[in-house]
Amino acid sequence: MANKVDVDAIRGAARKMEAADGPIQYLRNAQQLLEGVKLPGGALTMFGGSTVAAHNGSVDGHLANLRSGIVHLQTAAANLEQSAKNWERSDQPWVVK
């Protein structure tokens, strides 16, 4: 017996990724919080300049990872939606094993 593809479940997965409590919003919240921890140049007196630069460099690296993660999850959600549309338009009897 052939299995039927559940288009609504695919769409639901895409919506859950974009939801207010979903992973994309989680990464956006983390990004927003992390943007607030950068230090100004003279934060650790004149002798702490390299420490501030290292800290801010590390924060920038984490922010880049978060932005990349957001883009990847948005792409995944868009791909799930496209997959749902493709299955919906399909007139062929597909078999999922």
Protein backbone atom coordinates (compact mmCIF):
# COMPACT_ATOMS: atom_id res chain seq x y z
CA MET A 1 0.00 0.00 0.00
CA ALA A 2 1.29 3.42 -0.92
CA ASN A 3 1.80 6.05 1.72
CA LYS A 4 0.21 9.45 1.23
CA VAL A 5 2.31 12.57 1.64
CA ASP A 6 0.85 14.86 4.30
CA VAL A 7 1.14 18.30 2.70
CA ASP A 8 -0.39 19.99 5.74
CA ALA A 9 2.31 18.48 7.97
CA ILE A 10 5.02 19.85 5.67
CA ARG A 11 3.41 23.29 5.77
CA GLY A 12 3.02 23.02 9.54
CA ALA A 13 6.74 22.34 9.91
CA ALA A 14 7.53 25.45 7.85
CA ARG A 15 5.16 27.55 9.97
CA LYS A 16 6.66 26.23 13.20
CA MET A 17 10.10 27.38 12.10
CA GLU A 18 8.76 30.93 11.61
CA ALA A 19 6.53 30.92 14.71
CA ALA A 20 6.94 33.35 17.59
CA ASP A 21 8.34 30.52 19.73
CA GLY A 22 10.19 28.83 16.86
CA PRO A 23 13.90 28.45 16.20
CA ILE A 24 14.18 31.47 13.88
CA GLN A 25 12.76 33.80 16.50
CA TYR A 26 14.97 32.19 19.14
CA LEU A 27 18.05 33.02 17.07
CA ARG A 28 16.79 36.56 16.43
CA ASN A 29 16.33 37.06 20.18
CA ALA A 30 19.82 35.74 20.86
CA GLN A 31 21.20 38.05 18.17
CA GLN A 32 19.46 41.05 19.70
CA LEU A 33 20.81 40.26 23.17
CA LEU A 34 24.32 39.59 21.89
CA GLU A 35 24.42 42.91 20.02
CA GLY A 36 24.04 44.61 23.40
CA VAL A 37 27.21 43.15 24.93
CA LYS A 38 29.78 44.83 22.70
CA LEU A 39 32.15 47.03 24.67
CA PRO A 40 33.14 50.59 23.77
CA GLY A 41 36.82 51.21 22.98
CA GLY A 42 37.88 52.57 26.39
CA ALA A 43 35.76 50.24 28.50
CA LEU A 44 38.68 48.58 30.30
CA THR A 45 40.96 51.59 30.69
CA MET A 46 43.75 52.33 28.28
CA PHE A 47 45.48 49.01 29.00
CA GLY A 48 42.47 46.88 28.13
CA GLY A 49 42.21 47.85 24.47
CA SER A 50 43.34 44.46 23.18
CA THR A 51 40.94 42.70 25.55
CA VAL A 52 38.05 44.85 24.34
CA ALA A 53 39.04 44.18 20.73
CA ALA A 54 39.21 40.43 21.39
CA HIS A 55 35.84 40.48 23.17
CA ASN A 56 34.18 42.46 20.39
CA GLY A 57 35.77 40.21 17.77
CA SER A 58 34.36 37.18 19.51
CA VAL A 59 30.93 38.80 19.70
CA ASP A 60 31.13 39.63 15.98
CA GLY A 61 31.94 35.98 15.23
CA HIS A 62 28.96 34.79 17.23
CA LEU A 63 26.71 37.36 15.55
CA ALA A 64 27.86 36.16 12.13
CA ASN A 65 27.01 32.57 13.14
CA LEU A 66 23.57 33.64 14.34
CA ARG A 67 22.87 35.56 11.12
CA SER A 68 23.96 32.55 9.11
CA GLY A 69 21.72 30.27 11.17
CA ILE A 70 18.75 32.57 10.65
CA VAL A 71 19.31 32.60 6.89
CA HIS A 72 19.66 28.80 6.80
CA LEU A 73 16.46 28.28 8.78
CA GLN A 74 14.57 30.78 6.61
CA THR A 75 15.79 28.92 3.53
CA ALA A 76 14.72 25.61 5.06
CA ALA A 77 11.26 26.99 5.84
CA ALA A 78 10.93 28.32 2.27
CA ASN A 79 12.06 24.96 0.90
CA LEU A 80 9.49 23.14 3.02
CA GLU A 81 6.77 25.45 1.74
CA GLN A 82 7.91 24.89 -1.86
CA SER A 83 7.96 21.14 -1.26
CA ALA A 84 4.39 21.31 0.04
CA LYS A 85 3.33 23.25 -3.07
CA ASN A 86 5.07 20.73 -5.32
CA TRP A 87 3.36 17.78 -3.64
CA GLU A 88 0.03 19.58 -3.77
CA ARG A 89 0.32 20.16 -7.52
CA SER A 90 1.50 16.67 -8.26
CA ASP A 91 -0.99 14.57 -10.21
CA GLN A 92 1.18 11.50 -10.11
CA PRO A 93 0.64 8.70 -7.60
CA TRP A 94 3.82 8.97 -5.57
CA VAL A 95 4.97 6.22 -3.28
CA VAL A 96 6.94 7.06 -0.15
CA LYS A 97 8.91 4.17 1.29
